[in-house]
C-alpha atoms as a PDB file:
ATOM      1  CA  MET A   1     -45.289 -62.746  32.927  1.00  0.00           C
ATOM      2  CA  LEU A   2     -48.391 -64.912  32.496  1.00  0.00           C
ATOM      3  CA  GLU A   3     -48.476 -65.568  36.229  1.00  0.00           C
ATOM      4  CA  GLU A   4     -48.405 -61.841  36.952  1.00  0.00           C
ATOM      5  CA  GLN A   5     -51.418 -61.294  34.688  1.00  0.00           C
ATOM      6  CA  ARG A   6     -53.249 -64.189  36.351  1.00  0.00           C
ATOM      7  CA  GLN A   7     -52.604 -62.639  39.755  1.00  0.00           C
ATOM      8  CA  LYS A   8     -54.101 -59.394  38.480  1.00  0.00           C
ATOM      9  CA  ILE A   9     -57.191 -61.288  37.270  1.00  0.00           C
ATOM     10  CA  ASP A  10     -57.428 -63.040  40.641  1.00  0.00           C
ATOM     11  CA  ALA A  11     -57.353 -59.702  42.469  1.00  0.00           C
ATOM     12  CA  ILE A  12     -60.011 -58.265  40.156  1.00  0.00           C
ATOM     13  CA  ASP A  13     -62.148 -61.400  40.606  1.00  0.00           C
ATOM     14  CA  GLN A  14     -61.957 -60.953  44.385  1.00  0.00           C
ATOM     15  CA  GLN A  15     -63.174 -57.377  44.034  1.00  0.00           C
ATOM     16  CA  LEU A  16     -65.969 -58.530  41.710  1.00  0.00           C
ATOM     17  CA  ALA A  17     -67.055 -61.172  44.235  1.00  0.00           C
ATOM     18  CA  GLU A  18     -67.251 -58.568  46.995  1.00  0.00           C
ATOM     19  CA  LEU A  19     -69.153 -56.130  44.781  1.00  0.00           C
ATOM     20  CA  PHE A  20     -71.499 -58.912  43.605  1.00  0.00           C
ATOM     21  CA  GLU A  21     -72.329 -59.748  47.223  1.00  0.00           C
ATOM     22  CA  ALA A  22     -72.906 -56.068  48.012  1.00  0.00           C
ATOM     23  CA  ARG A  23     -75.128 -55.681  44.970  1.00  0.00           C
ATOM     24  CA  LEU A  24     -77.278 -58.688  45.879  1.00  0.00           C
ATOM     25  CA  SER A  25     -77.504 -57.517  49.495  1.00  0.00           C
ATOM     26  CA  VAL A  26     -79.039 -54.279  48.240  1.00  0.00           C
ATOM     27  CA  ALA A  27     -81.262 -56.253  45.819  1.00  0.00           C
ATOM     28  CA  LYS A  28     -82.553 -58.209  48.818  1.00  0.00           C
ATOM     29  CA  GLU A  29     -83.374 -54.977  50.660  1.00  0.00           C
ATOM     30  CA  ILE A  30     -85.129 -53.702  47.546  1.00  0.00           C
ATOM     31  CA  ALA A  31     -87.150 -56.942  47.334  1.00  0.00           C
ATOM     32  CA  THR A  32     -88.275 -56.431  50.928  1.00  0.00           C
ATOM     33  CA  ILE A  33     -89.363 -52.857  50.140  1.00  0.00           C
ATOM     34  CA  LYS A  34     -91.182 -54.048  47.028  1.00  0.00           C
ATOM     35  CA  TYR A  35     -92.950 -56.769  48.976  1.00  0.00           C
ATOM     36  CA  GLU A  36     -93.980 -54.492  51.833  1.00  0.00           C
ATOM     37  CA  ASN A  37     -95.271 -51.827  49.411  1.00  0.00           C
ATOM     38  CA  LYS A  38     -96.770 -54.214  46.853  1.00  0.00           C
ATOM     39  CA  ILE A  39     -94.522 -52.936  44.082  1.00  0.00           C
ATOM     40  CA  GLY A  40     -93.988 -55.069  40.976  1.00  0.00           C
ATOM     41  CA  LEU A  41     -90.716 -56.907  40.606  1.00  0.00           C
ATOM     42  CA  THR A  42     -89.653 -55.579  37.227  1.00  0.00           C
ATOM     43  CA  ASN A  43     -89.240 -51.915  36.312  1.00  0.00           C
ATOM     44  CA  ILE A  44     -88.371 -51.840  32.631  1.00  0.00           C
ATOM     45  CA  GLN A  45     -87.705 -48.098  32.647  1.00  0.00           C
ATOM     46  CA  ARG A  46     -85.250 -48.413  35.541  1.00  0.00           C
ATOM     47  CA  GLU A  47     -83.435 -51.281  33.805  1.00  0.00           C
ATOM     48  CA  LYS A  48     -83.151 -49.226  30.618  1.00  0.00           C
ATOM     49  CA  GLU A  49     -81.760 -46.242  32.518  1.00  0.00           C
ATOM     50  CA  VAL A  50     -79.188 -48.389  34.340  1.00  0.00           C
ATOM     51  CA  MET A  51     -78.205 -50.149  31.117  1.00  0.00           C
ATOM     52  CA  ASP A  52     -77.815 -46.860  29.231  1.00  0.00           C
ATOM     53  CA  ARG A  53     -75.594 -45.386  31.962  1.00  0.00           C
ATOM     54  CA  ARG A  54     -73.397 -48.485  32.119  1.00  0.00           C
ATOM     55  CA  LEU A  55     -73.032 -48.635  28.346  1.00  0.00           C
ATOM     56  CA  GLU A  56     -72.088 -44.963  28.267  1.00  0.00           C
ATOM     57  CA  ALA A  57     -69.422 -45.639  30.914  1.00  0.00           C
ATOM     58  CA  VAL A  58     -67.636 -48.188  28.744  1.00  0.00           C
ATOM     59  CA  GLN A  59     -64.616 -46.472  27.238  1.00  0.00           C
ATOM     60  CA  ASP A  60     -63.646 -49.217  24.798  1.00  0.00           C
ATOM     61  CA  PRO A  61     -66.397 -49.508  22.153  1.00  0.00           C
ATOM     62  CA  GLU A  62     -65.303 -53.092  21.509  1.00  0.00           C
ATOM     63  CA  LEU A  63     -66.578 -53.980  24.993  1.00  0.00           C
ATOM     64  CA  THR A  64     -70.036 -52.417  24.764  1.00  0.00           C
ATOM     65  CA  ASP A  65     -71.798 -55.632  23.719  1.00  0.00           C
ATOM     66  CA  TYR A  66     -70.090 -57.542  26.514  1.00  0.00           C
ATOM     67  CA  MET A  67     -71.135 -54.957  29.082  1.00  0.00           C
ATOM     68  CA  GLN A  68     -74.703 -55.248  27.840  1.00  0.00           C
ATOM     69  CA  GLU A  69     -74.588 -59.021  28.258  1.00  0.00           C
ATOM     70  CA  LEU A  70     -73.113 -58.666  31.738  1.00  0.00           C
ATOM     71  CA  TYR A  71     -75.872 -56.326  32.882  1.00  0.00           C
ATOM     72  CA  GLN A  72     -78.623 -58.433  31.322  1.00  0.00           C
ATOM     73  CA  ASP A  73     -77.291 -61.346  33.362  1.00  0.00           C
ATOM     74  CA  LEU A  74     -77.022 -59.198  36.486  1.00  0.00           C
ATOM     75  CA  PHE A  75     -80.621 -58.033  36.068  1.00  0.00           C
ATOM     76  CA  LEU A  76     -81.764 -61.633  35.708  1.00  0.00           C
ATOM     77  CA  ILE A  77     -79.789 -62.816  38.757  1.00  0.00           C
ATOM     78  CA  SER A  78     -81.043 -59.887  40.814  1.00  0.00           C
ATOM     79  CA  LYS A  79     -84.637 -60.645  39.873  1.00  0.00           C
ATOM     80  CA  GLN A  80     -84.216 -64.339  40.666  1.00  0.00           C
ATOM     81  CA  TYR A  81     -82.796 -63.434  44.078  1.00  0.00           C
ATOM     82  CA  GLN A  82     -85.623 -60.964  44.677  1.00  0.00           C
ATOM     83  CA  VAL A  83     -88.186 -63.638  43.771  1.00  0.00           C
ATOM     84  CA  LYS A  84     -86.570 -65.995  46.288  1.00  0.00           C
ATOM     85  CA  THR A  85     -86.560 -63.256  48.926  1.00  0.00           C
ATOM     86  CA  ILE A  86     -90.188 -62.335  48.328  1.00  0.00           C
ATOM     87  CA  LYS A  87     -91.234 -65.995  48.461  1.00  0.00           C
ATOM     88  CA  ALA A  88     -89.485 -66.368  51.835  1.00  0.00           C
ATOM     89  CA  LEU A  89     -91.240 -63.230  53.122  1.00  0.00           C
ATOM     90  CA  ARG A  90     -94.626 -64.568  51.952  1.00  0.00           C
ATOM     91  CA  ASP A  91     -93.961 -67.910  53.593  1.00  0.00           C
ATOM     92  CA  GLN A  92     -92.948 -66.116  56.793  1.00  0.00           C
ATOM     93  CA  ASP A  93     -96.148 -64.056  56.765  1.00  0.00           C
ATOM     94  CA  GLU A  94     -98.247 -67.194  56.321  1.00  0.00           C
ATOM     95  CA  ASP A  95     -96.843 -68.763  59.463  1.00  0.00           C
END
């Protein structure tokens, strides 16, 4: 019984890993667009809109705070990855 539940978690974690990679791949593309068009890294309004939609999508009210934490972390990770991407693009342009 416990093993079955762990297998379910493992399968979900695999899906999350694939989705995480896909999300960061798109974040990298966005960083390139921002760099090329001299657009600022952070868009507070966009983050608020995304957060609001994700929180509305949570069906179990008990999980709302956890979803908010998850997306705050995702925003931070995405920005860190975009900073790294933009730095690499700047370094490449300087060569």
